[in-house]
Amino acid sequence: MPQNRNKLIELFIGNISNAIVHEILEKAITQEELIEKYDKELLASLSLAKRYREKINPIDKSFPHKDNILKTK
């Protein structure tokens, strides 16, 4: 899993950023049909980000005491 962890973190950040952008666009737009599209995209991005978050650190497990990725030489 360590080799996939960085990729999952990148995907999580990308999807949560996308969700934030869609939230902002949804509030900035006045056309109802565009608001609905941004709302659907927001929910899809947030859902995907939550799944990546669960893979990075499952809810039913505590944080590891030592993270192998942050080893110092």
C-alpha atoms as a PDB file:
ATOM      1  CA  MET A   1       0.000   0.000   0.000  1.00  0.00           C
ATOM      2  CA  PRO A   2       2.810   2.552   0.654  1.00  0.00           C
ATOM      3  CA  GLN A   3       3.541   2.876  -3.062  1.00  0.00           C
ATOM      4  CA  ASN A   4      -0.140   3.607  -3.686  1.00  0.00           C
ATOM      5  CA  ARG A   5      -0.544   5.965  -0.730  1.00  0.00           C
ATOM      6  CA  ASN A   6       0.971   8.995  -2.480  1.00  0.00           C
ATOM      7  CA  LYS A   7      -1.225   8.389  -5.530  1.00  0.00           C
ATOM      8  CA  LEU A   8      -4.326   8.083  -3.324  1.00  0.00           C
ATOM      9  CA  ILE A   9      -3.420  11.307  -1.533  1.00  0.00           C
ATOM     10  CA  GLU A  10      -2.997  13.091  -4.882  1.00  0.00           C
ATOM     11  CA  LEU A  11      -6.358  11.759  -6.081  1.00  0.00           C
ATOM     12  CA  PHE A  12      -8.034  12.756  -2.797  1.00  0.00           C
ATOM     13  CA  ILE A  13      -6.660  16.297  -3.011  1.00  0.00           C
ATOM     14  CA  GLY A  14      -7.694  16.584  -6.660  1.00  0.00           C
ATOM     15  CA  ASN A  15     -11.239  15.420  -5.993  1.00  0.00           C
ATOM     16  CA  ILE A  16     -11.774  17.510  -2.874  1.00  0.00           C
ATOM     17  CA  SER A  17     -10.401  20.556  -4.751  1.00  0.00           C
ATOM     18  CA  ASN A  18     -12.799  19.828  -7.598  1.00  0.00           C
ATOM     19  CA  ALA A  19     -15.684  19.619  -5.126  1.00  0.00           C
ATOM     20  CA  ILE A  20     -14.729  23.003  -3.645  1.00  0.00           C
ATOM     21  CA  VAL A  21     -14.549  24.611  -7.094  1.00  0.00           C
ATOM     22  CA  HIS A  22     -17.988  23.253  -7.976  1.00  0.00           C
ATOM     23  CA  GLU A  23     -19.392  24.541  -4.684  1.00  0.00           C
ATOM     24  CA  ILE A  24     -18.056  28.018  -5.491  1.00  0.00           C
ATOM     25  CA  LEU A  25     -19.361  27.891  -9.070  1.00  0.00           C
ATOM     26  CA  GLU A  26     -22.757  26.677  -7.863  1.00  0.00           C
ATOM     27  CA  LYS A  27     -23.056  29.729  -5.608  1.00  0.00           C
ATOM     28  CA  ALA A  28     -21.744  32.139  -8.275  1.00  0.00           C
ATOM     29  CA  ILE A  29     -24.087  31.051 -11.092  1.00  0.00           C
ATOM     30  CA  THR A  30     -27.665  32.246 -11.410  1.00  0.00           C
ATOM     31  CA  GLN A  31     -28.843  29.906 -14.193  1.00  0.00           C
ATOM     32  CA  GLU A  32     -30.796  27.026 -12.641  1.00  0.00           C
ATOM     33  CA  GLU A  33     -29.732  24.377 -15.174  1.00  0.00           C
ATOM     34  CA  LEU A  34     -26.040  25.149 -14.522  1.00  0.00           C
ATOM     35  CA  ILE A  35     -26.561  25.098 -10.760  1.00  0.00           C
ATOM     36  CA  GLU A  36     -27.997  21.576 -11.006  1.00  0.00           C
ATOM     37  CA  LYS A  37     -25.007  20.388 -13.054  1.00  0.00           C
ATOM     38  CA  TYR A  38     -22.477  21.863 -10.621  1.00  0.00           C
ATOM     39  CA  ASP A  39     -24.386  20.344  -7.697  1.00  0.00           C
ATOM     40  CA  LYS A  40     -24.221  16.871  -9.291  1.00  0.00           C
ATOM     41  CA  GLU A  41     -20.498  17.297 -10.003  1.00  0.00           C
ATOM     42  CA  LEU A  42     -19.911  18.485  -6.437  1.00  0.00           C
ATOM     43  CA  LEU A  43     -21.605  15.402  -4.990  1.00  0.00           C
ATOM     44  CA  ALA A  44     -19.728  13.051  -7.323  1.00  0.00           C
ATOM     45  CA  SER A  45     -16.339  14.613  -6.500  1.00  0.00           C
ATOM     46  CA  LEU A  46     -17.035  14.624  -2.769  1.00  0.00           C
ATOM     47  CA  SER A  47     -18.163  11.005  -2.825  1.00  0.00           C
ATOM     48  CA  LEU A  48     -15.028   9.948  -4.679  1.00  0.00           C
ATOM     49  CA  ALA A  49     -12.822  11.973  -2.312  1.00  0.00           C
ATOM     50  CA  LYS A  50     -14.442  10.227   0.672  1.00  0.00           C
ATOM     51  CA  ARG A  51     -13.682   6.811  -0.851  1.00  0.00           C
ATOM     52  CA  TYR A  52     -10.035   7.782  -1.384  1.00  0.00           C
ATOM     53  CA  ARG A  53      -9.860   9.084   2.178  1.00  0.00           C
ATOM     54  CA  GLU A  54     -11.153   5.742   3.449  1.00  0.00           C
ATOM     55  CA  LYS A  55      -8.431   3.909   1.483  1.00  0.00           C
ATOM     56  CA  ILE A  56      -5.716   6.228   2.804  1.00  0.00           C
ATOM     57  CA  ASN A  57      -6.752   5.854   6.448  1.00  0.00           C
ATOM     58  CA  PRO A  58      -9.750   3.602   7.183  1.00  0.00           C
ATOM     59  CA  ILE A  59     -12.230   5.031   9.672  1.00  0.00           C
ATOM     60  CA  ASP A  60     -12.137   1.992  11.960  1.00  0.00           C
ATOM     61  CA  LYS A  61      -8.340   2.187  12.411  1.00  0.00           C
ATOM     62  CA  SER A  62      -6.296   4.753  14.290  1.00  0.00           C
ATOM     63  CA  PHE A  63      -3.463   6.704  12.718  1.00  0.00           C
ATOM     64  CA  PRO A  64      -0.222   4.732  12.587  1.00  0.00           C
ATOM     65  CA  HIS A  65       2.338   5.742  15.203  1.00  0.00           C
ATOM     66  CA  LYS A  66       5.028   5.838  12.557  1.00  0.00           C
ATOM     67  CA  ASP A  67       4.474   6.656   8.912  1.00  0.00           C
ATOM     68  CA  ASN A  68       6.884   4.726   6.693  1.00  0.00           C
ATOM     69  CA  ILE A  69       6.699   7.407   3.998  1.00  0.00           C
ATOM     70  CA  LEU A  70       8.180  10.071   6.257  1.00  0.00           C
ATOM     71  CA  LYS A  71      11.335   8.155   7.169  1.00  0.00           C
ATOM     72  CA  THR A  72      14.394  10.289   7.708  1.00  0.00           C
ATOM     73  CA  LYS A  73      17.771   9.089   6.545  1.00  0.00           C
END
